[in-house]
Amino acid sequence: MKNGVILAILSSLIFSIMNVLVKSISDTVPTSEIVFFRSFIGTVLIYFFMKRSKVQFSRKGIPFLMLRGLFGALYLLAYFYTISKIPLADASILAHLSPFFAVFFSYLFLKERVSKRVILILPLVLVGVVLLTKPGAYSAYSLFALVGVASALFAGAAATSIRFLSKAHHSFEIVFYFLATGTLVTIPLMWNNFVLPSPTELSILVGIGVVSLLGQVFLTKAFTHESVVVVEIARYIGIVFNILWGFLFWAEVPSLLTVTGGVLIVTSCILLSRKKQPVGRAKVSFIPVWKK
């Protein structure tokens, strides 16, 4: 397997564990507070890692680093809110629409061309997603579903910005700005709705911060090894992980369509990971369109 794909799959597994922790306390702890703890704990840890690894803060590109952080913060707020309102598998499916937005953003701003192999694999992934959403039986087409789609849009924008920033910034620095921005954004949102967590809830919040940081580091490194489109498609396997946790912890029994869709997605990830070299990929220009 290619390093970027392996890292993307590992990040999906780790983030699916984070989703379980988030859903387990979402009924008692507000979404903004969960995002705050997730971001604040991660900020402290990644700062320690930066110091230990002697990674210096850049003097250039700060506005783009903060923009990436804003995209990430909005994604977390939308995604955690969706998790708290609908089944874990459904929320995961909606969030994994992000490659559609990532393809558009990466082509528009980074001038990345989608390889022929990826184009051939994408329909297989789409069929899997359609089966997973159970057409005609999906009951979450509501405000919650729209928020889920918004989370996918912000995730696609964040993925594209990581790819852009990875050529000039260390992965630790990119993650730091993401988490620090998330911390600042959520403080005013939770100011009047703060709930004092119980010892159990606090331990879960700390776990969310630690686990999510590990997943974020893997994901950021994945984007430094592979294109936005390839990484995002590989991350579709996260849907399968979330279906598994939903079944184990919340008795969300997958249907035959769900199982079939999951098999197609896993197969797609395997085919994608066996790709030996980029095909039909243009040289990436990292000069934003609006600066040309």
C-alpha atoms as a PDB file:
ATOM      1  CA  MET A   1       0.000   0.000   0.000  1.00  0.00           C
ATOM      2  CA  LYS A   2       1.035   3.594  -0.540  1.00  0.00           C
ATOM      3  CA  ASN A   3       1.983   5.484   2.614  1.00  0.00           C
ATOM      4  CA  GLY A   4      -0.645   8.175   2.075  1.00  0.00           C
ATOM      5  CA  VAL A   5      -3.445   5.628   1.777  1.00  0.00           C
ATOM      6  CA  ILE A   6      -2.285   3.678   4.845  1.00  0.00           C
ATOM      7  CA  LEU A   7      -2.180   6.875   6.890  1.00  0.00           C
ATOM      8  CA  ALA A   8      -5.646   7.865   5.648  1.00  0.00           C
ATOM      9  CA  ILE A   9      -7.117   4.499   6.658  1.00  0.00           C
ATOM     10  CA  LEU A  10      -5.472   4.663  10.088  1.00  0.00           C
ATOM     11  CA  SER A  11      -6.819   8.186  10.616  1.00  0.00           C
ATOM     12  CA  SER A  12     -10.317   6.975   9.691  1.00  0.00           C
ATOM     13  CA  LEU A  13     -10.134   4.198  12.285  1.00  0.00           C
ATOM     14  CA  ILE A  14      -8.932   6.589  14.969  1.00  0.00           C
ATOM     15  CA  PHE A  15     -11.554   9.205  14.121  1.00  0.00           C
ATOM     16  CA  SER A  16     -14.285   6.550  14.253  1.00  0.00           C
ATOM     17  CA  ILE A  17     -13.225   5.852  17.852  1.00  0.00           C
ATOM     18  CA  MET A  18     -13.444   9.582  18.512  1.00  0.00           C
ATOM     19  CA  ASN A  19     -16.989   9.548  17.093  1.00  0.00           C
ATOM     20  CA  VAL A  20     -17.985   6.857  19.587  1.00  0.00           C
ATOM     21  CA  LEU A  21     -16.676   8.976  22.448  1.00  0.00           C
ATOM     22  CA  VAL A  22     -18.451  12.077  21.132  1.00  0.00           C
ATOM     23  CA  LYS A  23     -21.795  10.321  20.730  1.00  0.00           C
ATOM     24  CA  SER A  24     -21.538   8.763  24.191  1.00  0.00           C
ATOM     25  CA  ILE A  25     -21.671  12.197  25.884  1.00  0.00           C
ATOM     26  CA  SER A  26     -23.548  14.242  23.277  1.00  0.00           C
ATOM     27  CA  ASP A  27     -26.816  14.014  25.238  1.00  0.00           C
ATOM     28  CA  THR A  28     -25.375  15.737  28.299  1.00  0.00           C
ATOM     29  CA  VAL A  29     -22.527  17.933  27.023  1.00  0.00           C
ATOM     30  CA  PRO A  30     -23.186  20.688  24.404  1.00  0.00           C
ATOM     31  CA  THR A  31     -21.528  20.351  21.007  1.00  0.00           C
ATOM     32  CA  SER A  32     -19.541  23.574  21.342  1.00  0.00           C
ATOM     33  CA  GLU A  33     -18.119  22.394  24.672  1.00  0.00           C
ATOM     34  CA  ILE A  34     -17.049  19.058  23.179  1.00  0.00           C
ATOM     35  CA  VAL A  35     -15.299  20.872  20.334  1.00  0.00           C
ATOM     36  CA  PHE A  36     -13.638  23.221  22.834  1.00  0.00           C
ATOM     37  CA  PHE A  37     -12.169  20.410  24.925  1.00  0.00           C
ATOM     38  CA  ARG A  38     -11.184  18.522  21.791  1.00  0.00           C
ATOM     39  CA  SER A  39      -9.391  21.581  20.421  1.00  0.00           C
ATOM     40  CA  PHE A  40      -7.863  22.910  23.653  1.00  0.00           C
ATOM     41  CA  ILE A  41      -6.368  19.591  24.754  1.00  0.00           C
ATOM     42  CA  GLY A  42      -5.038  18.990  21.262  1.00  0.00           C
ATOM     43  CA  THR A  43      -3.521  22.482  21.127  1.00  0.00           C
ATOM     44  CA  VAL A  44      -1.561  21.911  24.335  1.00  0.00           C
ATOM     45  CA  LEU A  45      -0.329  18.491  23.212  1.00  0.00           C
ATOM     46  CA  ILE A  46       0.665  19.529  19.690  1.00  0.00           C
ATOM     47  CA  TYR A  47       2.516  22.575  21.088  1.00  0.00           C
ATOM     48  CA  PHE A  48       4.500  20.199  23.297  1.00  0.00           C
ATOM     49  CA  PHE A  49       5.280  18.000  20.279  1.00  0.00           C
ATOM     50  CA  MET A  50       6.397  21.037  18.288  1.00  0.00           C
ATOM     51  CA  LYS A  51       8.777  22.098  21.042  1.00  0.00           C
ATOM     52  CA  ARG A  52      10.118  18.575  21.460  1.00  0.00           C
ATOM     53  CA  SER A  53      10.656  18.224  17.705  1.00  0.00           C
ATOM     54  CA  LYS A  54      12.048  21.771  17.448  1.00  0.00           C
ATOM     55  CA  VAL A  55       9.428  22.792  14.893  1.00  0.00           C
ATOM     56  CA  GLN A  56       9.409  26.559  14.528  1.00  0.00           C
ATOM     57  CA  PHE A  57       6.351  28.690  13.843  1.00  0.00           C
ATOM     58  CA  SER A  58       6.354  30.211  10.373  1.00  0.00           C
ATOM     59  CA  ARG A  59       6.351  33.939   9.808  1.00  0.00           C
ATOM     60  CA  LYS A  60       4.632  33.617   6.449  1.00  0.00           C
ATOM     61  CA  GLY A  61       1.342  32.090   5.401  1.00  0.00           C
ATOM     62  CA  ILE A  62      -0.363  32.764   8.740  1.00  0.00           C
ATOM     63  CA  PRO A  63      -3.664  33.932   7.172  1.00  0.00           C
ATOM     64  CA  PHE A  64      -3.948  30.640   5.252  1.00  0.00           C
ATOM     65  CA  LEU A  65      -3.071  28.653   8.366  1.00  0.00           C
ATOM     66  CA  MET A  66      -5.844  30.419  10.254  1.00  0.00           C
ATOM     67  CA  LEU A  67      -8.242  29.901   7.360  1.00  0.00           C
ATOM     68  CA  ARG A  68      -7.505  26.182   7.460  1.00  0.00           C
ATOM     69  CA  GLY A  69      -8.164  26.314  11.204  1.00  0.00           C
ATOM     70  CA  LEU A  70     -11.497  28.033  10.650  1.00  0.00           C
ATOM     71  CA  PHE A  71     -12.594  25.419   8.107  1.00  0.00           C
ATOM     72  CA  GLY A  72     -11.652  22.696  10.566  1.00  0.00           C
ATOM     73  CA  ALA A  73     -13.493  24.332  13.468  1.00  0.00           C
ATOM     74  CA  LEU A  74     -16.683  24.755  11.430  1.00  0.00           C
ATOM     75  CA  TYR A  75     -16.424  21.139  10.300  1.00  0.00           C
ATOM     76  CA  LEU A  76     -16.137  19.908  13.893  1.00  0.00           C
ATOM     77  CA  LEU A  77     -19.083  21.990  15.081  1.00  0.00           C
ATOM     78  CA  ALA A  78     -21.310  20.789  12.246  1.00  0.00           C
ATOM     79  CA  TYR A  79     -20.188  17.160  12.417  1.00  0.00           C
ATOM     80  CA  PHE A  80     -20.410  16.760  16.199  1.00  0.00           C
ATOM     81  CA  TYR A  81     -23.864  18.342  16.135  1.00  0.00           C
ATOM     82  CA  THR A  82     -24.963  15.886  13.443  1.00  0.00           C
ATOM     83  CA  ILE A  83     -23.584  12.939  15.428  1.00  0.00           C
ATOM     84  CA  SER A  84     -25.642  14.014  18.423  1.00  0.00           C
ATOM     85  CA  LYS A  85     -28.890  14.075  16.427  1.00  0.00           C
ATOM     86  CA  ILE A  86     -28.859  11.111  14.028  1.00  0.00           C
ATOM     87  CA  PRO A  87     -27.383   7.564  13.933  1.00  0.00           C
ATOM     88  CA  LEU A  88     -23.600   7.410  13.818  1.00  0.00           C
ATOM     89  CA  ALA A  89     -23.530   5.633  10.454  1.00  0.00           C
ATOM     90  CA  ASP A  90     -25.823   8.220   8.827  1.00  0.00           C
ATOM     91  CA  ALA A  91     -23.758  11.116  10.181  1.00  0.00           C
ATOM     92  CA  SER A  92     -20.611   9.446   8.880  1.00  0.00           C
ATOM     93  CA  ILE A  93     -22.135   8.961   5.432  1.00  0.00           C
ATOM     94  CA  LEU A  94     -23.045  12.638   5.182  1.00  0.00           C
ATOM     95  CA  ALA A  95     -19.599  13.756   6.346  1.00  0.00           C
ATOM     96  CA  HIS A  96     -17.969  11.470   3.789  1.00  0.00           C
ATOM     97  CA  LEU A  97     -19.530  13.492   0.994  1.00  0.00           C
ATOM     98  CA  SER A  98     -16.470  15.725   1.500  1.00  0.00           C
ATOM     99  CA  PRO A  99     -14.526  14.244  -1.479  1.00  0.00           C
ATOM    100  CA  PHE A 100     -17.083  15.766  -3.843  1.00  0.00           C
ATOM    101  CA  PHE A 101     -16.275  19.185  -2.420  1.00  0.00           C
ATOM    102  CA  ALA A 102     -12.550  18.358  -2.193  1.00  0.00           C
ATOM    103  CA  VAL A 103     -12.453  17.440  -5.889  1.00  0.00           C
ATOM    104  CA  PHE A 104     -14.054  20.761  -6.796  1.00  0.00           C
ATOM    105  CA  PHE A 105     -11.867  22.863  -4.482  1.00  0.00           C
ATOM    106  CA  SER A 106      -8.601  21.079  -5.373  1.00  0.00           C
ATOM    107  CA  TYR A 107      -9.296  21.511  -9.093  1.00  0.00           C
ATOM    108  CA  LEU A 108     -10.376  25.142  -8.690  1.00  0.00           C
ATOM    109  CA  PHE A 109      -7.606  26.364  -6.380  1.00  0.00           C
ATOM    110  CA  LEU A 110      -4.752  23.828  -6.646  1.00  0.00           C
ATOM    111  CA  LYS A 111      -5.223  22.816 -10.278  1.00  0.00           C
ATOM    112  CA  GLU A 112      -4.984  19.123  -9.359  1.00  0.00           C
ATOM    113  CA  ARG A 113      -6.214  16.837 -12.124  1.00  0.00           C
ATOM    114  CA  VAL A 114      -8.020  13.642 -11.142  1.00  0.00           C
ATOM    115  CA  SER A 115      -6.229  10.536 -12.419  1.00  0.00           C
ATOM    116  CA  LYS A 116      -8.003   8.040 -14.679  1.00  0.00           C
ATOM    117  CA  ARG A 117      -7.672   5.295 -12.066  1.00  0.00           C
ATOM    118  CA  VAL A 118      -9.398   7.413  -9.431  1.00  0.00           C
ATOM    119  CA  ILE A 119     -12.171   8.245 -11.899  1.00  0.00           C
ATOM    120  CA  LEU A 120     -12.699   4.526 -12.508  1.00  0.00           C
ATOM    121  CA  ILE A 121     -12.797   3.750  -8.773  1.00  0.00           C
ATOM    122  CA  LEU A 122     -15.078   6.649  -7.816  1.00  0.00           C
ATOM    123  CA  PRO A 123     -18.283   5.125  -9.294  1.00  0.00           C
ATOM    124  CA  LEU A 124     -17.714   2.000  -7.185  1.00  0.00           C
ATOM    125  CA  VAL A 125     -17.486   4.210  -4.103  1.00  0.00           C
ATOM    126  CA  LEU A 126     -20.614   6.118  -5.121  1.00  0.00           C
ATOM    127  CA  VAL A 127     -22.592   2.900  -5.530  1.00  0.00           C
ATOM    128  CA  GLY A 128     -21.464   1.855  -2.069  1.00  0.00           C
ATOM    129  CA  VAL A 129     -22.553   5.190  -0.586  1.00  0.00           C
ATOM    130  CA  VAL A 130     -25.951   4.986  -2.336  1.00  0.00           C
ATOM    131  CA  LEU A 131     -26.526   1.521  -0.890  1.00  0.00           C
ATOM    132  CA  LEU A 132     -25.485   2.699   2.547  1.00  0.00           C
ATOM    133  CA  THR A 133     -27.936   5.595   2.471  1.00  0.00           C
ATOM    134  CA  LYS A 134     -30.794   3.171   1.715  1.00  0.00           C
ATOM    135  CA  PRO A 135     -32.704   5.233  -0.884  1.00  0.00           C
ATOM    136  CA  GLY A 136     -36.348   5.721   0.068  1.00  0.00           C
ATOM    137  CA  ALA A 137     -35.777   4.719   3.676  1.00  0.00           C
ATOM    138  CA  TYR A 138     -33.345   7.376   4.882  1.00  0.00           C
ATOM    139  CA  SER A 139     -35.222   9.324   7.549  1.00  0.00           C
ATOM    140  CA  ALA A 140     -32.789  12.114   8.372  1.00  0.00           C
ATOM    141  CA  TYR A 141     -33.417  14.488   5.465  1.00  0.00           C
ATOM    142  CA  SER A 142     -33.969  17.459   7.724  1.00  0.00           C
ATOM    143  CA  LEU A 143     -32.061  20.312   9.264  1.00  0.00           C
ATOM    144  CA  PHE A 144     -29.759  17.718  10.802  1.00  0.00           C
ATOM    145  CA  ALA A 145     -28.948  16.280   7.386  1.00  0.00           C
ATOM    146  CA  LEU A 146     -28.265  19.757   5.987  1.00  0.00           C
ATOM    147  CA  VAL A 147     -25.850  20.414   8.827  1.00  0.00           C
ATOM    148  CA  GLY A 148     -24.207  17.087   7.976  1.00  0.00           C
ATOM    149  CA  VAL A 149     -23.772  18.180   4.359  1.00  0.00           C
ATOM    150  CA  ALA A 150     -22.305  21.468   5.599  1.00  0.00           C
ATOM    151  CA  SER A 151     -19.779  19.486   7.642  1.00  0.00           C
ATOM    152  CA  ALA A 152     -18.742  17.725   4.429  1.00  0.00           C
ATOM    153  CA  LEU A 153     -18.302  21.056   2.649  1.00  0.00           C
ATOM    154  CA  PHE A 154     -16.061  22.420   5.417  1.00  0.00           C
ATOM    155  CA  ALA A 155     -14.117  19.144   5.530  1.00  0.00           C
ATOM    156  CA  GLY A 156     -13.499  19.346   1.773  1.00  0.00           C
ATOM    157  CA  ALA A 157     -12.263  22.916   2.116  1.00  0.00           C
ATOM    158  CA  ALA A 158     -10.013  21.915   5.036  1.00  0.00           C
ATOM    159  CA  ALA A 159      -8.559  18.992   3.082  1.00  0.00           C
ATOM    160  CA  THR A 160      -7.711  21.255   0.155  1.00  0.00           C
ATOM    161  CA  SER A 161      -6.112  23.847   2.419  1.00  0.00           C
ATOM    162  CA  ILE A 162      -3.952  21.156   4.086  1.00  0.00           C
ATOM    163  CA  ARG A 163      -2.694  20.058   0.687  1.00  0.00           C
ATOM    164  CA  PHE A 164      -1.869  23.668  -0.151  1.00  0.00           C
ATOM    165  CA  LEU A 165      -0.114  24.356   3.164  1.00  0.00           C
ATOM    166  CA  SER A 166       1.811  21.076   3.352  1.00  0.00           C
ATOM    167  CA  LYS A 167       4.406  22.258   0.825  1.00  0.00           C
ATOM    168  CA  ALA A 168       5.557  25.109   3.044  1.00  0.00           C
ATOM    169  CA  HIS A 169       4.585  24.182   6.608  1.00  0.00           C
ATOM    170  CA  HIS A 170       5.299  21.302   8.968  1.00  0.00           C
ATOM    171  CA  SER A 171       2.324  19.031   9.652  1.00  0.00           C
ATOM    172  CA  PHE A 172       2.540  19.840  13.377  1.00  0.00           C
ATOM    173  CA  GLU A 173       2.177  23.559  12.661  1.00  0.00           C
ATOM    174  CA  ILE A 174      -0.855  22.990  10.426  1.00  0.00           C
ATOM    175  CA  VAL A 175      -2.508  20.909  13.143  1.00  0.00           C
ATOM    176  CA  PHE A 176      -1.652  23.518  15.796  1.00  0.00           C
ATOM    177  CA  TYR A 177      -3.400  26.332  13.923  1.00  0.00           C
ATOM    178  CA  PHE A 178      -6.412  24.105  13.317  1.00  0.00           C
ATOM    179  CA  LEU A 179      -6.804  23.259  17.001  1.00  0.00           C
ATOM    180  CA  ALA A 180      -5.926  26.729  18.302  1.00  0.00           C
ATOM    181  CA  THR A 181      -8.489  28.313  15.976  1.00  0.00           C
ATOM    182  CA  GLY A 182     -11.080  25.759  17.060  1.00  0.00           C
ATOM    183  CA  THR A 183     -10.433  26.671  20.689  1.00  0.00           C
ATOM    184  CA  LEU A 184     -10.907  30.399  20.051  1.00  0.00           C
ATOM    185  CA  VAL A 185     -14.025  29.935  17.907  1.00  0.00           C
ATOM    186  CA  THR A 186     -15.835  27.783  20.476  1.00  0.00           C
ATOM    187  CA  ILE A 187     -15.217  29.958  23.571  1.00  0.00           C
ATOM    188  CA  PRO A 188     -17.971  32.501  22.767  1.00  0.00           C
ATOM    189  CA  LEU A 189     -20.307  29.738  21.554  1.00  0.00           C
ATOM    190  CA  MET A 190     -20.222  27.838  24.839  1.00  0.00           C
ATOM    191  CA  TRP A 191     -19.931  30.871  27.127  1.00  0.00           C
ATOM    192  CA  ASN A 192     -23.596  30.887  28.214  1.00  0.00           C
ATOM    193  CA  ASN A 193     -24.205  27.144  27.852  1.00  0.00           C
ATOM    194  CA  PHE A 194     -21.259  25.645  29.689  1.00  0.00           C
ATOM    195  CA  VAL A 195     -22.040  22.409  31.529  1.00  0.00           C
ATOM    196  CA  LEU A 196     -19.706  21.292  34.298  1.00  0.00           C
ATOM    197  CA  PRO A 197     -18.728  17.760  33.219  1.00  0.00           C
ATOM    198  CA  SER A 198     -18.810  14.873  35.655  1.00  0.00           C
ATOM    199  CA  PRO A 199     -15.567  12.946  36.306  1.00  0.00           C
ATOM    200  CA  THR A 200     -16.635  10.333  33.745  1.00  0.00           C
ATOM    201  CA  GLU A 201     -17.560  12.945  31.149  1.00  0.00           C
ATOM    202  CA  LEU A 202     -14.299  14.804  31.772  1.00  0.00           C
ATOM    203  CA  SER A 203     -12.287  11.634  31.188  1.00  0.00           C
ATOM    204  CA  ILE A 204     -14.172  11.081  27.933  1.00  0.00           C
ATOM    205  CA  LEU A 205     -13.529  14.691  26.858  1.00  0.00           C
ATOM    206  CA  VAL A 206      -9.825  14.232  27.553  1.00  0.00           C
ATOM    207  CA  GLY A 207      -9.922  10.985  25.576  1.00  0.00           C
ATOM    208  CA  ILE A 208     -11.564  12.798  22.651  1.00  0.00           C
ATOM    209  CA  GLY A 209      -8.783  15.386  22.682  1.00  0.00           C
ATOM    210  CA  VAL A 210      -5.975  12.824  22.754  1.00  0.00           C
ATOM    211  CA  VAL A 211      -7.471  10.377  20.249  1.00  0.00           C
ATOM    212  CA  SER A 212      -8.513  13.072  17.782  1.00  0.00           C
ATOM    213  CA  LEU A 213      -5.053  14.643  17.855  1.00  0.00           C
ATOM    214  CA  LEU A 214      -3.500  11.322  16.896  1.00  0.00           C
ATOM    215  CA  GLY A 215      -6.001  10.950  14.053  1.00  0.00           C
ATOM    216  CA  GLN A 216      -5.376  14.519  12.899  1.00  0.00           C
ATOM    217  CA  VAL A 217      -1.614  13.979  12.739  1.00  0.00           C
ATOM    218  CA  PHE A 218      -2.083  10.827  10.650  1.00  0.00           C
ATOM    219  CA  LEU A 219      -4.536  12.629   8.342  1.00  0.00           C
ATOM    220  CA  THR A 220      -2.311  15.670   7.865  1.00  0.00           C
ATOM    221  CA  LYS A 221       0.662  13.452   7.037  1.00  0.00           C
ATOM    222  CA  ALA A 222      -1.530  11.521   4.578  1.00  0.00           C
ATOM    223  CA  PHE A 223      -2.160  14.725   2.628  1.00  0.00           C
ATOM    224  CA  THR A 224       1.591  15.365   2.464  1.00  0.00           C
ATOM    225  CA  HIS A 225       2.068  11.970   0.755  1.00  0.00           C
ATOM    226  CA  GLU A 226      -0.905  11.857  -1.580  1.00  0.00           C
ATOM    227  CA  SER A 227      -3.355  14.061  -3.469  1.00  0.00           C
ATOM    228  CA  VAL A 228      -6.552  15.404  -1.892  1.00  0.00           C
ATOM    229  CA  VAL A 229      -8.795  13.159  -3.993  1.00  0.00           C
ATOM    230  CA  VAL A 230      -6.950   9.906  -3.245  1.00  0.00           C
ATOM    231  CA  VAL A 231      -6.843  10.549   0.510  1.00  0.00           C
ATOM    232  CA  GLU A 232     -10.506  11.520   0.659  1.00  0.00           C
ATOM    233  CA  ILE A 233     -11.611   8.399  -1.219  1.00  0.00           C
ATOM    234  CA  ALA A 234      -9.483   6.170   1.024  1.00  0.00           C
ATOM    235  CA  ARG A 235     -11.191   7.715   4.040  1.00  0.00           C
ATOM    236  CA  TYR A 236     -14.538   6.290   2.892  1.00  0.00           C
ATOM    237  CA  ILE A 237     -13.602   3.190   4.858  1.00  0.00           C
ATOM    238  CA  GLY A 238     -14.420   5.269   7.932  1.00  0.00           C
ATOM    239  CA  ILE A 239     -18.105   4.706   7.153  1.00  0.00           C
ATOM    240  CA  VAL A 240     -17.607   0.982   7.670  1.00  0.00           C
ATOM    241  CA  PHE A 241     -15.870   1.570  11.001  1.00  0.00           C
ATOM    242  CA  ASN A 242     -18.720   3.778  12.188  1.00  0.00           C
ATOM    243  CA  ILE A 243     -21.339   1.217  11.157  1.00  0.00           C
ATOM    244  CA  LEU A 244     -19.456  -1.369  13.200  1.00  0.00           C
ATOM    245  CA  TRP A 245     -19.357   0.836  16.321  1.00  0.00           C
ATOM    246  CA  GLY A 246     -23.012   1.779  15.880  1.00  0.00           C
ATOM    247  CA  PHE A 247     -23.927  -1.898  15.869  1.00  0.00           C
ATOM    248  CA  LEU A 248     -21.747  -2.767  18.871  1.00  0.00           C
ATOM    249  CA  PHE A 249     -22.677   0.134  21.143  1.00  0.00           C
ATOM    250  CA  TRP A 250     -26.117   1.356  20.022  1.00  0.00           C
ATOM    251  CA  ALA A 251     -27.627  -1.771  18.457  1.00  0.00           C
ATOM    252  CA  GLU A 252     -27.857  -0.060  15.071  1.00  0.00           C
ATOM    253  CA  VAL A 253     -28.251  -3.234  13.034  1.00  0.00           C
ATOM    254  CA  PRO A 254     -26.956  -2.829   9.467  1.00  0.00           C
ATOM    255  CA  SER A 255     -29.215  -4.008   6.649  1.00  0.00           C
ATOM    256  CA  LEU A 256     -28.184  -6.086   3.648  1.00  0.00           C
ATOM    257  CA  LEU A 257     -27.826  -2.877   1.619  1.00  0.00           C
ATOM    258  CA  THR A 258     -25.548  -1.451   4.296  1.00  0.00           C
ATOM    259  CA  VAL A 259     -23.340  -4.535   4.306  1.00  0.00           C
ATOM    260  CA  THR A 260     -23.170  -4.578   0.495  1.00  0.00           C
ATOM    261  CA  GLY A 261     -22.290  -0.902   0.375  1.00  0.00           C
ATOM    262  CA  GLY A 262     -19.616  -1.411   3.012  1.00  0.00           C
ATOM    263  CA  VAL A 263     -18.040  -4.237   1.010  1.00  0.00           C
ATOM    264  CA  LEU A 264     -17.909  -2.033  -2.094  1.00  0.00           C
ATOM    265  CA  ILE A 265     -16.259   0.772  -0.159  1.00  0.00           C
ATOM    266  CA  VAL A 266     -13.633  -1.509   1.385  1.00  0.00           C
ATOM    267  CA  THR A 267     -12.947  -3.004  -2.061  1.00  0.00           C
ATOM    268  CA  SER A 268     -12.514   0.503  -3.478  1.00  0.00           C
ATOM    269  CA  CYS A 269     -10.018   1.379  -0.760  1.00  0.00           C
ATOM    270  CA  ILE A 270      -8.016  -1.786  -1.488  1.00  0.00           C
ATOM    271  CA  LEU A 271      -7.949  -1.027  -5.234  1.00  0.00           C
ATOM    272  CA  LEU A 272      -6.946   2.547  -4.518  1.00  0.00           C
ATOM    273  CA  SER A 273      -4.151   1.530  -2.158  1.00  0.00           C
ATOM    274  CA  ARG A 274      -2.677  -0.845  -4.748  1.00  0.00           C
ATOM    275  CA  LYS A 275      -2.113   2.003  -7.193  1.00  0.00           C
ATOM    276  CA  LYS A 276       1.614   1.973  -7.945  1.00  0.00           C
ATOM    277  CA  GLN A 277       2.037   5.533  -9.108  1.00  0.00           C
ATOM    278  CA  PRO A 278      -0.068   8.604  -9.925  1.00  0.00           C
ATOM    279  CA  VAL A 279      -1.619   8.387 -13.360  1.00  0.00           C
ATOM    280  CA  GLY A 280      -2.513  11.485 -15.335  1.00  0.00           C
ATOM    281  CA  ARG A 281      -1.738  13.782 -12.474  1.00  0.00           C
ATOM    282  CA  ALA A 282      -0.719  17.262 -13.414  1.00  0.00           C
ATOM    283  CA  LYS A 283       1.969  19.196 -11.634  1.00  0.00           C
ATOM    284  CA  VAL A 284       0.299  21.043  -8.785  1.00  0.00           C
ATOM    285  CA  SER A 285       0.477  24.788  -8.665  1.00  0.00           C
ATOM    286  CA  PHE A 286       0.362  26.070  -5.126  1.00  0.00           C
ATOM    287  CA  ILE A 287      -0.386  29.650  -6.076  1.00  0.00           C
ATOM    288  CA  PRO A 288      -3.997  30.461  -5.207  1.00  0.00           C
ATOM    289  CA  VAL A 289      -6.154  31.389  -8.166  1.00  0.00           C
ATOM    290  CA  TRP A 290      -7.071  34.718  -6.612  1.00  0.00           C
ATOM    291  CA  LYS A 291      -3.364  35.677  -6.433  1.00  0.00           C
ATOM    292  CA  LYS A 292      -2.570  34.942 -10.056  1.00  0.00           C
END
